[in-house]
Amino acid sequence: MTRNRVKLSRRQFLDTIAAAGASLATAPFDAAAGFEPQTARKRPAAKRPTRRTLHQRFPDLRRHFIFEYYPWYRTNPFGHWNEAERQPPIDIASNYMPQLGPYDSRSTAVIEQHAKWIAEAGIGAINVSWWGPGSDPGGLVHALMDVMRAHDIHVTFHIEPYADDRALHYASDIQYLITEYGDRRHWDCFLLLQDENGAVGPVFKSFGTILVPLFNDCHGKVVHVSNYTPDQVWRQQTDQIRKLFAGDFDRVTLLADSLDLPRVTAGGFDGIAIYDNNVRPDEWGPYAQGCTARDLVFSFNCNPGFDGLALRHVDPNSCYTPPRFQPGDAVYDWSQRSQREAAAAGSVARITESLNTTLALQTAPASANVRRGFFLTYINSFNEWHEGHQFEPMKSAADLTAAERAAGYHDPDNGRYRIDLLTKLVAGVLAR
């Protein structure tokens, strides 16, 4: 066995998530049946009393819909827009051209426009991608929170795998976030989520949490994963967090991005929050059932699919494969208007299906979420442009410049279609 060590790429990690949960995805499942496999039902369930609506259960329901938010874009010089050998401002690291063009996340005007769009969509919180202490030069997060507060939007944090040993700092990272962006700001817009029973506390999601120790690459070589963390280390950290804040909050909710439910439990997490849009909504039911069996809460995201940026130059000996379009692994001729509109129609279907499915699973009477008074829906994402699942408005096709059209962007006729649909769907939930 080779002793080579690698850090899993984002795509490799997401592939391991699917592999870890594959055994759960085979059983037929019906959310409306209250988490009972279809094959096990022998007679209709007894009529249940009328249940309270989500709005009745959660007075702060807006806060339970959270946009994934990325504050990492830069201009002068360009940052993130220039990934994968792209050369902004015409050639950017996205298959779609934003309505605002390649912007700077530090711009107050940009943050103001983002906040307006988020508030208009009925979303009450954002989950900021955070890369460890020292990753906020110039106080960007404070500036972001100042604007979000003015629009009644609360802020929480998505803890990224910023270092191979970041698990050893998990407790201190959360302590830092609570102190810096909660205590220091007198809790003006730090997200403290209220469950159905009135208990209040912060919620943190982490990416790349439960990793495999060994990874087989496409050449059959077995390599050690450099940022693998044993379950007992995570458990030490999650236990420490609860001890640190036992006197401050009713609870602290810790969510791992993983489908390996035994390891999520072993690591001391409260539940799962899946980031990967390649895990289809029709696969979620058995995972929700598995979580319920282990008393884990779960959050599956509302998403428009996936249209990630492909590399232009690839080492033929590498294990790189271009990202697959979701939904459906479809292949489109992006130069054709009809094909771009077909892709947009696919995204419309995925947005609707994913929101309806996560609502059904989270409100199923026998679910762990209902039992524990928990409801939370992440929306992936507001502005992760590299992966093509952004709800932030893009340019409508007619508004692209000649140079942008020549660059081959995938923008459809209506660049606002995703956020307009989300606004309508969320309004329907909030009005129930």
Protein backbone atom coordinates (compact mmCIF):
# COMPACT_ATOMS: atom_id res chain seq x y z
CA MET A 1 0.00 0.00 0.00
CA THR A 2 1.36 3.39 -0.94
CA ARG A 3 1.94 5.93 1.80
CA ASN A 4 1.05 8.83 -0.47
CA ARG A 5 -1.28 11.36 1.12
CA VAL A 6 -3.85 13.50 -0.65
CA LYS A 7 -6.47 16.01 0.37
CA LEU A 8 -9.78 15.07 -1.20
CA SER A 9 -11.04 17.55 -3.74
CA ARG A 10 -14.53 18.95 -3.29
CA ARG A 11 -15.83 16.59 -5.99
CA GLN A 12 -14.04 13.56 -4.54
CA PHE A 13 -15.52 14.29 -1.13
CA LEU A 14 -19.01 14.62 -2.57
CA ASP A 15 -18.57 11.30 -4.36
CA THR A 16 -17.66 9.64 -1.04
CA ILE A 17 -20.89 10.98 0.47
CA ALA A 18 -22.90 9.18 -2.19
CA ALA A 19 -20.91 5.99 -1.67
CA ALA A 20 -21.35 6.12 2.11
CA GLY A 21 -25.13 6.35 1.84
CA ALA A 22 -25.66 4.01 -1.11
CA SER A 23 -26.98 1.14 0.99
CA LEU A 24 -29.78 3.31 2.35
CA ALA A 25 -30.97 4.44 -1.06
CA THR A 26 -32.39 1.11 -2.21
CA ALA A 27 -35.53 0.76 -0.07
CA PRO A 28 -38.85 2.14 -1.40
CA PHE A 29 -40.00 5.06 0.68
CA ASP A 30 -43.11 7.17 1.09
CA ALA A 31 -42.76 10.32 3.20
CA ALA A 32 -46.49 10.76 3.53
CA ALA A 33 -46.73 7.39 5.21
CA GLY A 34 -44.90 8.65 8.26
CA PHE A 35 -41.50 6.99 7.74
CA GLU A 36 -42.79 3.50 7.20
CA PRO A 37 -41.35 1.60 4.19
CA GLN A 38 -44.02 0.85 1.60
CA THR A 39 -43.30 -2.88 1.77
CA ALA A 40 -44.09 -2.91 5.50
CA ARG A 41 -47.56 -1.34 5.29
CA LYS A 42 -50.43 -3.80 5.54
CA ARG A 43 -53.36 -1.50 6.23
CA PRO A 44 -54.12 2.23 6.05
CA ALA A 45 -52.84 4.26 8.95
CA ALA A 46 -55.39 5.54 11.44
CA LYS A 47 -56.58 9.07 10.84
CA ARG A 48 -54.36 11.50 12.69
CA PRO A 49 -55.48 14.72 14.35
CA THR A 50 -54.95 17.91 12.41
CA ARG A 51 -51.36 19.03 12.70
CA ARG A 52 -50.21 22.57 13.23
CA THR A 53 -48.75 24.36 10.24
CA LEU A 54 -45.07 25.24 10.01
CA HIS A 55 -45.88 28.87 10.68
CA GLN A 56 -47.81 27.91 13.81
CA ARG A 57 -44.94 25.73 14.98
CA PHE A 58 -42.18 28.23 14.19
CA PRO A 59 -43.05 31.92 14.66
CA ASP A 60 -39.63 32.79 13.21
CA LEU A 61 -40.19 30.59 10.14
CA ARG A 62 -38.30 32.93 7.77
CA ARG A 63 -35.15 32.20 9.76
CA HIS A 64 -35.51 28.50 9.04
CA PHE A 65 -34.83 29.11 5.34
CA ILE A 66 -31.13 29.85 4.90
CA PHE A 67 -29.20 30.81 1.75
CA GLU A 68 -25.67 29.43 1.36
CA TYR A 69 -23.62 32.59 0.82
CA TYR A 70 -20.07 33.10 -0.54
CA PRO A 71 -18.22 36.37 0.17
CA TRP A 72 -15.01 35.38 -1.66
CA TYR A 73 -15.24 37.29 -4.97
CA ARG A 74 -12.71 40.03 -5.70
CA THR A 75 -11.82 42.57 -8.37
CA ASN A 76 -8.68 44.65 -8.79
CA PRO A 77 -7.09 42.14 -8.74
CA PHE A 78 -9.64 39.48 -9.56
CA GLY A 79 -10.18 36.66 -7.09
CA HIS A 80 -12.29 33.55 -7.64
CA TRP A 81 -13.61 34.94 -10.90
CA ASN A 82 -10.26 33.93 -12.39
CA GLU A 83 -10.22 30.29 -11.29
CA ALA A 84 -9.72 27.45 -13.79
CA GLU A 85 -7.60 29.65 -16.09
CA ARG A 86 -10.40 32.13 -16.70
CA GLN A 87 -9.52 35.72 -17.58
CA PRO A 88 -12.12 38.22 -16.28
CA PRO A 89 -14.04 40.38 -16.82
CA ILE A 90 -15.48 38.78 -19.98
CA ASP A 91 -14.18 35.28 -19.33
CA ILE A 92 -15.14 34.40 -15.74
CA ALA A 93 -15.12 31.22 -13.64
CA SER A 94 -18.81 30.51 -14.13
CA ASN A 95 -21.09 29.11 -16.82
CA TYR A 96 -23.37 32.08 -16.17
CA MET A 97 -22.76 35.82 -16.22
CA PRO A 98 -24.16 37.53 -13.09
CA GLN A 99 -26.58 40.40 -13.52
CA LEU A 100 -24.06 42.48 -11.56
CA GLY A 101 -21.15 41.25 -13.67
CA PRO A 102 -18.01 39.96 -11.90
CA TYR A 103 -18.35 41.89 -8.66
CA ASP A 104 -16.34 42.45 -5.50
CA SER A 105 -17.88 40.89 -2.38
CA ARG A 106 -16.48 43.75 -0.31
CA SER A 107 -18.55 46.36 -2.14
CA THR A 108 -21.28 47.84 0.05
CA ALA A 109 -23.41 48.41 -3.03
CA VAL A 110 -23.12 44.74 -3.97
CA ILE A 111 -23.97 43.57 -0.45
CA GLU A 112 -26.95 45.94 -0.38
CA GLN A 113 -28.29 44.50 -3.62
CA HIS A 114 -27.76 40.96 -2.37
CA ALA A 115 -29.60 41.74 0.86
CA LYS A 116 -32.53 43.23 -1.07
CA TRP A 117 -32.84 40.16 -3.27
CA ILE A 118 -32.59 37.80 -0.29
CA ALA A 119 -35.20 39.73 1.73
CA GLU A 120 -37.55 39.98 -1.25
CA ALA A 121 -37.35 36.20 -1.63
CA GLY A 122 -38.67 35.81 1.92
CA ILE A 123 -35.45 34.24 3.20
CA GLY A 124 -34.50 35.19 6.74
CA ALA A 125 -30.87 34.09 7.06
CA ILE A 126 -27.62 33.38 5.24
CA ASN A 127 -24.97 30.74 5.91
CA VAL A 128 -21.60 32.38 5.25
CA SER A 129 -18.74 30.28 3.91
CA TRP A 130 -16.01 30.64 6.57
CA TRP A 131 -12.40 29.56 6.22
CA GLY A 132 -11.00 29.87 9.73
CA PRO A 133 -9.68 32.65 11.99
CA GLY A 134 -7.76 35.23 10.00
CA SER A 135 -9.82 34.62 6.86
CA ASP A 136 -11.72 37.90 7.24
CA PRO A 137 -9.26 40.62 6.25
CA GLY A 138 -10.66 44.11 6.54
CA GLY A 139 -13.66 42.98 8.56
CA LEU A 140 -15.71 41.85 5.56
CA VAL A 141 -18.02 39.70 7.68
CA HIS A 142 -18.80 42.61 10.00
CA ALA A 143 -19.55 44.83 7.00
CA LEU A 144 -21.72 42.07 5.55
CA MET A 145 -23.59 41.70 8.83
CA ASP A 146 -24.14 45.45 9.10
CA VAL A 147 -26.02 45.43 5.79
CA MET A 148 -27.88 42.19 6.47
CA ARG A 149 -29.05 43.52 9.83
CA ALA A 150 -30.56 46.56 8.10
CA HIS A 151 -32.62 44.17 5.96
CA ASP A 152 -33.63 41.93 8.89
CA ILE A 153 -31.50 39.03 7.69
CA HIS A 154 -29.60 36.97 10.25
CA VAL A 155 -26.21 35.34 9.74
CA THR A 156 -24.71 31.97 10.59
CA PHE A 157 -21.61 30.15 9.33
CA HIS A 158 -20.67 27.21 7.14
CA ILE A 159 -17.34 25.96 8.49
CA GLU A 160 -15.14 24.95 5.57
CA PRO A 161 -12.18 22.48 5.60
CA TYR A 162 -9.60 25.27 5.77
CA ALA A 163 -6.75 23.07 7.08
CA ASP A 164 -5.97 19.37 7.39
CA ASP A 165 -6.18 19.61 11.19
CA ARG A 166 -9.20 21.90 11.32
CA ALA A 167 -11.15 19.26 13.29
CA LEU A 168 -8.82 19.86 16.24
CA HIS A 169 -9.98 23.50 16.23
CA TYR A 170 -13.70 22.85 15.75
CA ALA A 171 -14.68 23.84 19.29
CA SER A 172 -12.40 26.88 19.39
CA ASP A 173 -13.63 27.92 15.92
CA ILE A 174 -17.23 27.90 17.07
CA GLN A 175 -16.25 29.75 20.24
CA TYR A 176 -14.52 32.35 18.05
CA LEU A 177 -17.54 32.76 15.77
CA ILE A 178 -19.94 33.15 18.69
CA THR A 179 -17.65 35.63 20.45
CA GLU A 180 -16.63 37.69 17.41
CA TYR A 181 -19.93 37.86 15.55
CA GLY A 182 -22.40 37.28 18.39
CA ASP A 183 -21.10 38.69 21.67
CA ARG A 184 -19.07 41.49 20.13
CA ARG A 185 -22.06 42.68 18.10
CA HIS A 186 -24.51 42.27 21.01
CA TRP A 187 -26.35 39.61 19.01
CA ASP A 188 -27.77 42.13 16.56
CA CYS A 189 -28.11 39.64 13.68
CA PHE A 190 -26.35 36.40 14.64
CA LEU A 191 -28.75 33.54 13.88
CA LEU A 192 -30.20 31.98 17.03
CA LEU A 193 -32.76 29.47 15.83
CA GLN A 194 -35.87 28.71 17.85
CA ASP A 195 -37.25 25.20 17.82
CA GLU A 196 -40.91 24.28 18.16
CA ASN A 197 -40.66 24.06 21.94
CA GLY A 198 -39.14 27.53 22.23
CA ALA A 199 -35.54 26.41 22.85
CA VAL A 200 -33.07 28.83 21.26
CA GLY A 201 -29.48 28.42 20.11
CA PRO A 202 -27.02 28.71 17.24
CA VAL A 203 -26.73 26.19 14.42
CA PHE A 204 -23.48 25.38 12.60
CA LYS A 205 -22.95 23.35 9.48
CA SER A 206 -19.58 21.97 8.40
CA PHE A 207 -18.37 20.79 5.01
CA GLY A 208 -15.96 17.90 4.47
CA THR A 209 -16.53 16.62 8.01
CA ILE A 210 -16.80 12.84 7.89
CA LEU A 211 -14.01 11.66 5.56
CA VAL A 212 -12.74 8.24 4.56
CA PRO A 213 -9.19 7.40 5.76
CA LEU A 214 -8.18 5.86 2.44
CA PHE A 215 -9.13 6.73 -1.10
CA ASN A 216 -8.78 4.74 -4.33
CA ASP A 217 -7.97 6.95 -7.29
CA CYS A 218 -8.86 6.17 -10.90
CA HIS A 219 -5.55 4.33 -11.40
CA GLY A 220 -6.27 1.94 -8.55
CA LYS A 221 -3.73 3.56 -6.26
CA VAL A 222 -4.68 3.63 -2.59
CA VAL A 223 -3.77 6.89 -0.89
CA HIS A 224 -4.16 8.22 2.64
CA VAL A 225 -6.56 11.16 2.96
CA SER A 226 -4.59 13.92 4.63
CA ASN A 227 -7.54 15.63 6.29
CA TYR A 228 -9.22 12.49 7.60
CA THR A 229 -10.33 12.81 11.23
CA PRO A 230 -11.24 9.82 13.43
CA ASP A 231 -14.76 9.85 14.87
CA GLN A 232 -13.52 10.03 18.45
CA VAL A 233 -11.73 13.31 17.71
CA TRP A 234 -14.95 14.82 16.40
CA ARG A 235 -16.73 13.49 19.49
CA GLN A 236 -14.22 15.18 21.79
CA GLN A 237 -14.81 18.46 19.96
CA THR A 238 -18.61 18.27 19.88
CA ASP A 239 -18.69 17.34 23.58
CA GLN A 240 -16.43 20.30 24.34
CA ILE A 241 -18.73 22.69 22.48
CA ARG A 242 -21.73 21.59 24.50
CA LYS A 243 -19.83 21.99 27.75
CA LEU A 244 -18.57 25.43 26.73
CA PHE A 245 -22.04 26.78 26.02
CA ALA A 246 -24.24 24.75 28.37
CA GLY A 247 -25.01 27.87 30.39
CA ASP A 248 -25.46 30.22 27.43
CA PHE A 249 -27.94 28.54 25.08
CA ASP A 250 -30.77 26.05 25.35
CA ARG A 251 -28.90 24.04 22.73
CA VAL A 252 -26.19 24.27 20.06
CA THR A 253 -27.07 22.39 16.85
CA LEU A 254 -24.11 20.83 15.03
CA LEU A 255 -24.72 19.47 11.54
CA ALA A 256 -22.34 17.40 9.43
CA ASP A 257 -22.39 17.18 5.63
CA SER A 258 -22.43 13.38 5.48
CA LEU A 259 -24.65 10.41 4.72
CA ASP A 260 -22.57 8.05 6.85
CA LEU A 261 -25.08 8.05 9.67
CA PRO A 262 -23.27 5.72 12.10
CA ARG A 263 -20.20 7.95 11.93
CA VAL A 264 -22.29 11.12 12.29
CA THR A 265 -23.67 9.62 15.49
CA ALA A 266 -20.23 8.50 16.65
CA GLY A 267 -18.89 12.01 16.07
CA GLY A 268 -21.50 13.52 18.38
CA PHE A 269 -23.30 15.59 15.75
CA ASP A 270 -27.00 16.41 16.07
CA GLY A 271 -27.71 15.51 12.47
CA ILE A 272 -26.92 16.03 8.82
CA ALA A 273 -27.21 18.83 6.29
CA ILE A 274 -26.34 17.65 2.79
CA TYR A 275 -24.69 20.15 0.46
CA ASP A 276 -24.37 18.05 -2.70
CA ASN A 277 -27.00 18.79 -5.35
CA ASN A 278 -26.04 15.54 -7.09
CA VAL A 279 -27.85 13.62 -4.35
CA ARG A 280 -31.31 13.58 -5.90
CA PRO A 281 -34.49 14.40 -3.95
CA ASP A 282 -35.94 10.98 -4.78
CA GLU A 283 -33.01 9.46 -2.86
CA TRP A 284 -33.54 11.44 0.34
CA GLY A 285 -36.29 9.40 1.97
CA PRO A 286 -34.22 6.44 3.23
CA TYR A 287 -31.61 8.82 4.64
CA ALA A 288 -34.32 10.70 6.52
CA GLN A 289 -35.62 7.39 7.80
CA GLY A 290 -32.10 6.36 8.85
CA CYS A 291 -31.67 9.64 10.70
CA THR A 292 -34.97 9.15 12.48
CA ALA A 293 -33.93 5.67 13.59
CA ARG A 294 -30.83 7.23 15.18
CA ASP A 295 -32.60 10.34 16.55
CA LEU A 296 -30.61 12.56 14.18
CA VAL A 297 -32.22 15.65 12.67
CA PHE A 298 -31.78 16.23 8.94
CA SER A 299 -31.83 19.07 6.46
CA PHE A 300 -31.95 18.46 2.72
CA ASN A 301 -31.48 21.53 0.58
CA CYS A 302 -33.64 23.31 -1.94
CA ASN A 303 -31.54 23.57 -5.11
CA PRO A 304 -31.70 24.17 -8.89
CA GLY A 305 -29.33 21.34 -9.79
CA PHE A 306 -25.69 21.65 -10.77
CA ASP A 307 -23.85 23.14 -13.75
CA GLY A 308 -20.24 23.30 -12.66
CA LEU A 309 -17.35 24.91 -14.45
CA ALA A 310 -15.15 22.49 -16.42
CA LEU A 311 -11.37 22.76 -16.68
CA ARG A 312 -10.06 23.71 -20.11
CA HIS A 313 -6.71 21.97 -19.87
CA VAL A 314 -6.53 18.59 -18.18
CA ASP A 315 -3.55 16.32 -17.61
CA PRO A 316 -4.53 13.10 -19.44
CA ASN A 317 -3.03 11.10 -16.58
CA SER A 318 -5.11 12.85 -13.97
CA CYS A 319 -8.33 11.48 -12.52
CA TYR A 320 -10.29 14.59 -13.43
CA THR A 321 -13.76 14.16 -14.91
CA PRO A 322 -15.89 17.13 -15.99
CA PRO A 323 -18.82 17.93 -13.70
CA ARG A 324 -22.15 16.42 -14.68
CA PHE A 325 -25.15 18.64 -15.33
CA GLN A 326 -28.03 18.11 -12.95
CA PRO A 327 -30.77 17.20 -13.04
CA GLY A 328 -30.50 14.15 -15.25
CA ASP A 329 -26.85 14.11 -16.35
CA ALA A 330 -28.16 15.94 -19.42
CA VAL A 331 -25.94 17.20 -22.26
CA TYR A 332 -26.93 20.47 -23.91
CA ASP A 333 -25.81 22.47 -26.91
CA TRP A 334 -25.47 25.78 -25.10
CA SER A 335 -25.27 27.74 -28.35
CA GLN A 336 -28.95 26.96 -28.96
CA ARG A 337 -31.64 29.01 -27.24
CA SER A 338 -34.00 26.00 -27.09
CA GLN A 339 -31.34 23.98 -25.28
CA ARG A 340 -30.65 26.72 -22.74
CA GLU A 341 -34.38 26.97 -22.07
CA ALA A 342 -34.62 23.19 -21.67
CA ALA A 343 -31.84 23.33 -19.06
CA ALA A 344 -33.69 26.14 -17.26
CA ALA A 345 -36.86 24.03 -17.29
CA GLY A 346 -34.91 21.22 -15.67
CA SER A 347 -33.76 23.60 -12.94
CA VAL A 348 -37.34 24.78 -12.39
CA ALA A 349 -38.40 21.17 -11.89
CA ARG A 350 -35.52 20.50 -9.47
CA ILE A 351 -36.23 23.64 -7.38
CA THR A 352 -39.86 22.64 -7.01
CA GLU A 353 -39.14 18.96 -6.34
CA SER A 354 -36.35 19.61 -3.85
CA LEU A 355 -38.35 22.12 -1.80
CA ASN A 356 -41.48 19.98 -1.74
CA THR A 357 -39.48 16.87 -0.83
CA THR A 358 -37.55 18.43 2.04
CA LEU A 359 -40.80 19.92 3.38
CA ALA A 360 -42.55 16.54 3.23
CA LEU A 361 -39.69 14.66 4.89
CA GLN A 362 -39.13 17.23 7.63
CA THR A 363 -42.81 17.40 8.53
CA ALA A 364 -43.54 13.66 8.38
CA PRO A 365 -45.23 12.97 11.75
CA ALA A 366 -42.86 10.22 12.89
CA SER A 367 -39.66 11.95 11.80
CA ALA A 368 -36.90 12.89 14.22
CA ASN A 369 -37.36 16.49 13.08
CA VAL A 370 -40.95 16.60 14.28
CA ARG A 371 -40.09 14.68 17.43
CA ARG A 372 -37.34 17.17 18.25
CA GLY A 373 -39.23 20.25 17.07
CA PHE A 374 -36.68 20.95 14.34
CA PHE A 375 -37.09 22.41 10.85
CA LEU A 376 -34.35 23.91 8.69
CA THR A 377 -33.98 24.24 4.92
CA TYR A 378 -30.74 25.42 3.37
CA ILE A 379 -30.97 26.86 -0.13
CA ASN A 380 -27.95 25.96 -2.22
CA SER A 381 -26.93 28.54 -3.11
CA PHE A 382 -27.28 32.28 -3.32
CA ASN A 383 -24.03 32.84 -5.21
CA GLU A 384 -21.74 29.85 -5.71
CA TRP A 385 -21.23 30.78 -9.37
CA HIS A 386 -18.49 28.20 -10.06
CA GLU A 387 -20.95 25.37 -9.52
CA GLY A 388 -23.87 26.89 -11.41
CA HIS A 389 -26.46 26.48 -8.66
CA GLN A 390 -26.82 30.15 -7.79
CA PHE A 391 -30.19 31.82 -7.21
CA GLU A 392 -28.62 35.28 -7.48
CA PRO A 393 -29.98 36.79 -10.71
CA MET A 394 -27.88 36.27 -13.82
CA LYS A 395 -28.03 38.31 -16.98
CA SER A 396 -30.91 37.50 -19.28
CA ALA A 397 -29.62 36.16 -22.59
CA ALA A 398 -30.67 39.31 -24.45
CA ASP A 399 -28.57 41.44 -22.08
CA LEU A 400 -25.31 39.61 -22.72
CA THR A 401 -22.79 41.62 -24.71
CA ALA A 402 -21.54 40.26 -28.02
CA ALA A 403 -18.28 39.27 -26.34
CA GLU A 404 -20.15 37.48 -23.52
CA ARG A 405 -22.32 35.59 -26.01
CA ALA A 406 -19.18 34.54 -27.84
CA ALA A 407 -17.80 33.20 -24.54
CA GLY A 408 -20.62 30.64 -24.49
CA TYR A 409 -22.49 31.46 -21.28
CA HIS A 410 -25.56 29.40 -20.40
CA ASP A 411 -27.79 32.33 -19.39
CA PRO A 412 -31.47 31.73 -20.30
CA ASP A 413 -34.07 34.19 -21.52
CA ASN A 414 -35.08 35.17 -17.99
CA GLY A 415 -32.06 35.61 -15.74
CA ARG A 416 -34.30 35.95 -12.66
CA TYR A 417 -36.28 32.76 -13.12
CA ARG A 418 -34.73 30.91 -10.18
CA ILE A 419 -35.16 33.57 -7.52
CA ASP A 420 -38.62 34.49 -8.80
CA LEU A 421 -39.76 30.88 -8.52
CA LEU A 422 -38.19 30.51 -5.07
CA THR A 423 -39.93 33.70 -3.92
CA LYS A 424 -43.30 32.30 -5.00
CA LEU A 425 -42.72 28.89 -3.41
CA VAL A 426 -41.42 30.25 -0.09
CA ALA A 427 -44.30 32.74 0.09
CA GLY A 428 -46.68 29.81 -0.19
CA VAL A 429 -44.98 28.05 2.73
CA LEU A 430 -44.90 31.16 4.90
CA ALA A 431 -48.60 31.79 4.26
CA ARG A 432 -49.77 28.34 5.36
